[in-house]
Amino acid sequence: MENNHSFKKLEIPLLTELFVIYERVHKIIFSLPKFERYTLGEKIENTTLSAMELTIMANCANKLDKEKLLSQTNTKIELLKILFRLALNCKLIEGPKYLEMENHLQEAGKQAMNWLKYERGVRY
C-alpha cells in the first residue's frame, strides 16, 4: 500500500487548489510584521482553513447541504480576495505576490461556482 499524502489523490479539484493557496499563505504570513502576522495574517490563515473544511464537508454532504456548504466556501474565497487586496493596499505584500494569490483565488472561485452550478443542475 502506497503511503502518499498528496491531495491530488483526493480528486477534489477545489480542495487541491485551496491546498496550494494555503501553502502560499503559510509562507506569506511569516514574512509579515509581527503585529500583522497575528491580526490580518491569522484571519487569512483561518479563512483559508475554513474554506478547506467547508469543501471537505460539501464533498461528504447530501445535495441540500452541499449547496449551502459550497455557497459558504465561495463566500470564504471572496473574503480571501478582499483580505489580500487589503494586504496589498497596506503594503504588507508586493504586487507580484498579490497577483499570484489573486490568480489562485480566481481559480478556486471558478471551481466552487461550477461545482455549485452542477449541484443545482445549471448547465454552463
N, C-alpha and C. Protein backbone atom coordinates (compact mmCIF):
# COMPACT_ATOMS: atom_id res chain seq x y z
N MET A 1 0.84 -1.18 0.00
CA MET A 1 0.00 0.00 0.00
C MET A 1 0.89 1.24 0.00
N GLU A 2 0.62 2.11 -0.94
CA GLU A 2 1.41 3.33 -1.09
C GLU A 2 1.00 4.34 -0.03
N ASN A 3 1.98 4.96 0.61
CA ASN A 3 1.73 5.95 1.65
C ASN A 3 1.99 7.34 1.09
N ASN A 4 1.13 7.80 0.20
CA ASN A 4 1.28 9.10 -0.43
C ASN A 4 0.16 10.01 0.07
N HIS A 5 0.52 11.11 0.71
CA HIS A 5 -0.47 12.01 1.30
C HIS A 5 -0.78 13.19 0.39
N SER A 6 -0.66 13.02 -0.90
CA SER A 6 -0.91 14.10 -1.84
C SER A 6 -2.41 14.36 -1.96
N PHE A 7 -2.81 15.64 -1.90
CA PHE A 7 -4.21 15.98 -2.05
C PHE A 7 -4.70 15.78 -3.47
N LYS A 8 -3.79 15.64 -4.42
CA LYS A 8 -4.21 15.38 -5.79
C LYS A 8 -4.94 14.04 -5.88
N LYS A 9 -4.66 13.13 -4.96
CA LYS A 9 -5.30 11.82 -4.94
C LYS A 9 -6.75 11.91 -4.46
N LEU A 10 -7.13 13.00 -3.80
CA LEU A 10 -8.48 13.13 -3.28
C LEU A 10 -9.51 13.39 -4.38
N GLU A 11 -9.05 13.79 -5.53
CA GLU A 11 -9.91 14.05 -6.68
C GLU A 11 -10.96 15.12 -6.40
N ILE A 12 -10.62 16.08 -5.58
CA ILE A 12 -11.47 17.25 -5.35
C ILE A 12 -10.65 18.43 -5.83
N PRO A 13 -10.84 18.85 -7.06
CA PRO A 13 -10.00 19.93 -7.61
C PRO A 13 -10.00 21.19 -6.76
N LEU A 14 -11.16 21.54 -6.19
CA LEU A 14 -11.23 22.74 -5.36
C LEU A 14 -10.34 22.60 -4.13
N LEU A 15 -10.36 21.44 -3.50
CA LEU A 15 -9.52 21.22 -2.33
C LEU A 15 -8.04 21.27 -2.69
N THR A 16 -7.70 20.74 -3.85
CA THR A 16 -6.32 20.79 -4.32
C THR A 16 -5.87 22.24 -4.49
N GLU A 17 -6.73 23.05 -5.08
CA GLU A 17 -6.39 24.47 -5.28
C GLU A 17 -6.28 25.19 -3.94
N LEU A 18 -7.18 24.90 -3.01
CA LEU A 18 -7.12 25.52 -1.69
C LEU A 18 -5.87 25.08 -0.92
N PHE A 19 -5.44 23.86 -1.16
CA PHE A 19 -4.21 23.36 -0.53
C PHE A 19 -3.01 24.18 -1.02
N VAL A 20 -2.96 24.45 -2.32
CA VAL A 20 -1.89 25.27 -2.91
C VAL A 20 -1.95 26.68 -2.32
N ILE A 21 -3.15 27.21 -2.20
CA ILE A 21 -3.31 28.55 -1.63
C ILE A 21 -2.79 28.57 -0.19
N TYR A 22 -3.15 27.55 0.59
CA TYR A 22 -2.69 27.52 1.98
C TYR A 22 -1.16 27.46 2.07
N GLU A 23 -0.55 26.66 1.22
CA GLU A 23 0.92 26.59 1.24
C GLU A 23 1.54 27.96 1.02
N ARG A 24 0.97 28.73 0.11
CA ARG A 24 1.49 30.07 -0.16
C ARG A 24 1.15 31.04 0.98
N VAL A 25 -0.06 30.91 1.53
CA VAL A 25 -0.46 31.75 2.66
C VAL A 25 0.49 31.54 3.83
N HIS A 26 0.82 30.31 4.09
CA HIS A 26 1.71 29.97 5.19
C HIS A 26 3.06 30.69 5.05
N LYS A 27 3.60 30.72 3.84
CA LYS A 27 4.87 31.41 3.59
C LYS A 27 4.72 32.92 3.72
N ILE A 28 3.62 33.45 3.22
CA ILE A 28 3.39 34.90 3.27
C ILE A 28 3.27 35.37 4.71
N ILE A 29 2.56 34.62 5.54
CA ILE A 29 2.33 35.02 6.93
C ILE A 29 3.65 35.24 7.66
N PHE A 30 4.62 34.37 7.41
CA PHE A 30 5.90 34.51 8.11
C PHE A 30 6.70 35.71 7.64
N SER A 31 6.34 36.27 6.50
CA SER A 31 7.04 37.47 6.02
C SER A 31 6.38 38.76 6.53
N LEU A 32 5.23 38.65 7.17
CA LEU A 32 4.53 39.83 7.67
C LEU A 32 5.17 40.32 8.97
N PRO A 33 5.08 41.64 9.22
CA PRO A 33 5.50 42.15 10.53
C PRO A 33 4.68 41.49 11.64
N LYS A 34 5.26 41.42 12.83
CA LYS A 34 4.66 40.66 13.93
C LYS A 34 3.20 41.03 14.19
N PHE A 35 2.89 42.32 14.27
CA PHE A 35 1.51 42.73 14.57
C PHE A 35 0.54 42.22 13.49
N GLU A 36 0.90 42.42 12.22
CA GLU A 36 0.03 42.00 11.13
C GLU A 36 -0.06 40.47 11.02
N ARG A 37 1.00 39.79 11.44
CA ARG A 37 1.01 38.33 11.41
C ARG A 37 -0.10 37.78 12.31
N TYR A 38 -0.33 38.45 13.45
CA TYR A 38 -1.31 37.96 14.41
C TYR A 38 -2.68 38.62 14.26
N THR A 39 -2.83 39.47 13.28
CA THR A 39 -4.14 40.08 13.01
C THR A 39 -4.59 39.66 11.61
N LEU A 40 -4.16 40.40 10.62
CA LEU A 40 -4.57 40.10 9.25
C LEU A 40 -4.06 38.72 8.80
N GLY A 41 -2.83 38.39 9.14
CA GLY A 41 -2.27 37.10 8.75
C GLY A 41 -3.05 35.93 9.32
N GLU A 42 -3.40 36.04 10.59
CA GLU A 42 -4.18 34.98 11.23
C GLU A 42 -5.57 34.86 10.61
N LYS A 43 -6.18 36.00 10.28
CA LYS A 43 -7.51 35.99 9.65
C LYS A 43 -7.43 35.30 8.29
N ILE A 44 -6.39 35.61 7.51
CA ILE A 44 -6.21 34.97 6.20
C ILE A 44 -6.02 33.47 6.36
N GLU A 45 -5.18 33.07 7.31
CA GLU A 45 -4.93 31.65 7.52
C GLU A 45 -6.21 30.92 7.95
N ASN A 46 -6.92 31.48 8.91
CA ASN A 46 -8.15 30.84 9.39
C ASN A 46 -9.23 30.77 8.32
N THR A 47 -9.33 31.80 7.50
CA THR A 47 -10.32 31.80 6.42
C THR A 47 -9.97 30.74 5.38
N THR A 48 -8.70 30.58 5.08
CA THR A 48 -8.26 29.56 4.13
C THR A 48 -8.58 28.16 4.67
N LEU A 49 -8.25 27.93 5.94
CA LEU A 49 -8.53 26.63 6.54
C LEU A 49 -10.04 26.36 6.61
N SER A 50 -10.81 27.39 6.86
CA SER A 50 -12.26 27.26 6.90
C SER A 50 -12.81 26.88 5.52
N ALA A 51 -12.26 27.49 4.48
CA ALA A 51 -12.68 27.15 3.10
C ALA A 51 -12.36 25.69 2.79
N MET A 52 -11.21 25.23 3.25
CA MET A 52 -10.83 23.83 3.04
C MET A 52 -11.80 22.91 3.79
N GLU A 53 -12.11 23.26 5.02
CA GLU A 53 -13.02 22.44 5.83
C GLU A 53 -14.41 22.38 5.19
N LEU A 54 -14.91 23.51 4.73
CA LEU A 54 -16.23 23.54 4.08
C LEU A 54 -16.24 22.70 2.81
N THR A 55 -15.13 22.71 2.08
CA THR A 55 -15.04 21.92 0.85
C THR A 55 -15.11 20.43 1.17
N ILE A 56 -14.39 20.00 2.19
CA ILE A 56 -14.43 18.59 2.59
C ILE A 56 -15.83 18.22 3.06
N MET A 57 -16.45 19.09 3.82
CA MET A 57 -17.81 18.82 4.30
C MET A 57 -18.79 18.74 3.13
N ALA A 58 -18.62 19.63 2.14
CA ALA A 58 -19.50 19.62 0.97
C ALA A 58 -19.35 18.32 0.19
N ASN A 59 -18.15 17.83 0.12
CA ASN A 59 -17.90 16.60 -0.62
C ASN A 59 -18.63 15.40 0.01
N CYS A 60 -18.86 15.46 1.30
CA CYS A 60 -19.48 14.35 2.02
C CYS A 60 -20.97 14.58 2.31
N ALA A 61 -21.50 15.74 1.95
CA ALA A 61 -22.86 16.12 2.34
C ALA A 61 -23.90 15.65 1.34
N ASN A 62 -25.17 15.68 1.79
CA ASN A 62 -26.29 15.42 0.88
C ASN A 62 -26.48 16.65 -0.01
N LYS A 63 -27.31 16.51 -1.04
CA LYS A 63 -27.47 17.56 -2.05
C LYS A 63 -27.85 18.92 -1.46
N LEU A 64 -28.81 18.93 -0.57
CA LEU A 64 -29.28 20.20 0.01
C LEU A 64 -28.18 20.87 0.83
N ASP A 65 -27.54 20.11 1.68
CA ASP A 65 -26.46 20.67 2.50
C ASP A 65 -25.25 21.05 1.64
N LYS A 66 -25.02 20.28 0.58
CA LYS A 66 -23.87 20.54 -0.30
C LYS A 66 -23.95 21.94 -0.91
N GLU A 67 -25.14 22.32 -1.36
CA GLU A 67 -25.31 23.65 -1.95
C GLU A 67 -25.00 24.75 -0.93
N LYS A 68 -25.48 24.58 0.28
CA LYS A 68 -25.23 25.56 1.33
C LYS A 68 -23.74 25.65 1.65
N LEU A 69 -23.09 24.51 1.78
CA LEU A 69 -21.67 24.48 2.10
C LEU A 69 -20.82 25.07 0.97
N LEU A 70 -21.19 24.77 -0.26
CA LEU A 70 -20.43 25.33 -1.40
C LEU A 70 -20.61 26.84 -1.49
N SER A 71 -21.79 27.31 -1.16
CA SER A 71 -22.03 28.76 -1.13
C SER A 71 -21.17 29.41 -0.05
N GLN A 72 -21.07 28.76 1.11
CA GLN A 72 -20.24 29.28 2.18
C GLN A 72 -18.76 29.24 1.79
N THR A 73 -18.35 28.19 1.09
CA THR A 73 -16.96 28.10 0.61
C THR A 73 -16.66 29.26 -0.32
N ASN A 74 -17.58 29.53 -1.24
CA ASN A 74 -17.38 30.63 -2.17
C ASN A 74 -17.28 31.97 -1.44
N THR A 75 -18.08 32.13 -0.39
CA THR A 75 -18.02 33.35 0.41
C THR A 75 -16.65 33.51 1.06
N LYS A 76 -16.09 32.41 1.56
CA LYS A 76 -14.75 32.45 2.17
C LYS A 76 -13.69 32.83 1.12
N ILE A 77 -13.83 32.31 -0.08
CA ILE A 77 -12.89 32.63 -1.15
C ILE A 77 -12.98 34.12 -1.50
N GLU A 78 -14.19 34.64 -1.57
CA GLU A 78 -14.37 36.08 -1.84
C GLU A 78 -13.77 36.93 -0.73
N LEU A 79 -13.94 36.49 0.52
CA LEU A 79 -13.34 37.20 1.65
C LEU A 79 -11.82 37.19 1.54
N LEU A 80 -11.24 36.06 1.14
CA LEU A 80 -9.79 35.99 0.96
C LEU A 80 -9.31 36.99 -0.09
N LYS A 81 -10.06 37.15 -1.16
CA LYS A 81 -9.69 38.14 -2.18
C LYS A 81 -9.61 39.54 -1.57
N ILE A 82 -10.60 39.86 -0.74
CA ILE A 82 -10.62 41.18 -0.10
C ILE A 82 -9.47 41.33 0.89
N LEU A 83 -9.21 40.30 1.65
CA LEU A 83 -8.12 40.36 2.64
C LEU A 83 -6.76 40.52 1.96
N PHE A 84 -6.56 39.83 0.83
CA PHE A 84 -5.29 40.00 0.12
C PHE A 84 -5.19 41.38 -0.52
N ARG A 85 -6.31 41.92 -0.98
CA ARG A 85 -6.30 43.28 -1.52
C ARG A 85 -5.95 44.28 -0.42
N LEU A 86 -6.47 44.03 0.77
CA LEU A 86 -6.15 44.87 1.92
C LEU A 86 -4.66 44.78 2.24
N ALA A 87 -4.12 43.58 2.22
CA ALA A 87 -2.68 43.40 2.48
C ALA A 87 -1.84 44.15 1.45
N LEU A 88 -2.28 44.12 0.19
CA LEU A 88 -1.57 44.85 -0.86
C LEU A 88 -1.66 46.36 -0.62
N ASN A 89 -2.84 46.85 -0.34
CA ASN A 89 -3.04 48.29 -0.13
C ASN A 89 -2.28 48.81 1.10
N CYS A 90 -2.10 47.95 2.10
CA CYS A 90 -1.34 48.32 3.30
C CYS A 90 0.16 48.07 3.12
N LYS A 91 0.53 47.67 1.91
CA LYS A 91 1.94 47.41 1.56
C LYS A 91 2.56 46.30 2.42
N LEU A 92 1.74 45.30 2.75
CA LEU A 92 2.23 44.15 3.50
C LEU A 92 2.72 43.05 2.58
N ILE A 93 2.21 43.03 1.35
CA ILE A 93 2.70 42.10 0.33
C ILE A 93 2.97 42.90 -0.94
N GLU A 94 3.84 42.37 -1.76
CA GLU A 94 4.19 43.05 -3.02
C GLU A 94 3.22 42.64 -4.12
N GLY A 95 3.18 43.47 -5.16
CA GLY A 95 2.29 43.24 -6.29
C GLY A 95 2.36 41.85 -6.90
N PRO A 96 3.56 41.35 -7.21
CA PRO A 96 3.64 40.01 -7.82
C PRO A 96 3.07 38.90 -6.92
N LYS A 97 3.28 39.01 -5.61
CA LYS A 97 2.74 38.03 -4.67
C LYS A 97 1.21 38.12 -4.64
N TYR A 98 0.71 39.35 -4.66
CA TYR A 98 -0.74 39.57 -4.70
C TYR A 98 -1.35 38.96 -5.96
N LEU A 99 -0.72 39.22 -7.10
CA LEU A 99 -1.25 38.70 -8.37
C LEU A 99 -1.25 37.18 -8.39
N GLU A 100 -0.21 36.58 -7.82
CA GLU A 100 -0.16 35.12 -7.74
C GLU A 100 -1.33 34.59 -6.90
N MET A 101 -1.56 35.21 -5.75
CA MET A 101 -2.65 34.77 -4.89
C MET A 101 -4.01 35.03 -5.55
N GLU A 102 -4.14 36.16 -6.20
CA GLU A 102 -5.40 36.50 -6.88
C GLU A 102 -5.72 35.47 -7.96
N ASN A 103 -4.70 35.05 -8.71
CA ASN A 103 -4.92 34.03 -9.75
C ASN A 103 -5.40 32.71 -9.15
N HIS A 104 -4.78 32.29 -8.05
CA HIS A 104 -5.21 31.05 -7.39
C HIS A 104 -6.62 31.19 -6.82
N LEU A 105 -6.91 32.35 -6.25
CA LEU A 105 -8.24 32.57 -5.68
C LEU A 105 -9.30 32.65 -6.77
N GLN A 106 -8.96 33.24 -7.91
CA GLN A 106 -9.90 33.27 -9.04
C GLN A 106 -10.22 31.84 -9.50
N GLU A 107 -9.20 31.01 -9.59
CA GLU A 107 -9.39 29.62 -10.00
C GLU A 107 -10.25 28.87 -8.98
N ALA A 108 -9.96 29.06 -7.70
CA ALA A 108 -10.76 28.40 -6.65
C ALA A 108 -12.21 28.86 -6.71
N GLY A 109 -12.41 30.14 -6.93
CA GLY A 109 -13.77 30.68 -7.04
C GLY A 109 -14.53 30.09 -8.21
N LYS A 110 -13.86 29.95 -9.35
CA LYS A 110 -14.49 29.33 -10.52
C LYS A 110 -14.88 27.89 -10.22
N GLN A 111 -13.97 27.16 -9.58
CA GLN A 111 -14.24 25.76 -9.27
C GLN A 111 -15.42 25.64 -8.30
N ALA A 112 -15.46 26.49 -7.29
CA ALA A 112 -16.56 26.45 -6.32
C ALA A 112 -17.89 26.76 -7.01
N MET A 113 -17.90 27.78 -7.85
CA MET A 113 -19.15 28.16 -8.54
C MET A 113 -19.58 27.10 -9.55
N ASN A 114 -18.64 26.52 -10.26
CA ASN A 114 -19.00 25.47 -11.22
C ASN A 114 -19.56 24.24 -10.50
N TRP A 115 -18.99 23.89 -9.38
CA TRP A 115 -19.48 22.76 -8.59
C TRP A 115 -20.88 23.08 -8.07
N LEU A 116 -21.09 24.30 -7.60
CA LEU A 116 -22.40 24.72 -7.11
C LEU A 116 -23.42 24.69 -8.23
N LYS A 117 -23.06 25.19 -9.41
CA LYS A 117 -23.97 25.15 -10.55
C LYS A 117 -24.32 23.72 -10.93
N TYR A 118 -23.34 22.84 -10.88
CA TYR A 118 -23.57 21.44 -11.18
C TYR A 118 -24.57 20.83 -10.19
N GLU A 119 -24.39 21.14 -8.93
CA GLU A 119 -25.30 20.62 -7.89
C GLU A 119 -26.71 21.16 -8.06
N ARG A 120 -26.82 22.37 -8.55
CA ARG A 120 -28.14 22.99 -8.76
C ARG A 120 -28.75 22.56 -10.09
N GLY A 121 -27.98 21.84 -10.88
CA GLY A 121 -28.49 21.38 -12.17
C GLY A 121 -28.43 22.42 -13.26
N VAL A 122 -27.64 23.46 -13.04
CA VAL A 122 -27.47 24.53 -14.04
C VAL A 122 -26.34 24.12 -14.98
N ARG A 123 -26.61 24.15 -16.24
CA ARG A 123 -25.58 23.81 -17.23
C ARG A 123 -24.85 25.08 -17.63
N TYR A 124 -23.53 24.98 -17.68
CA TYR A 124 -22.71 26.15 -18.01
C TYR A 124 -21.87 25.90 -19.21
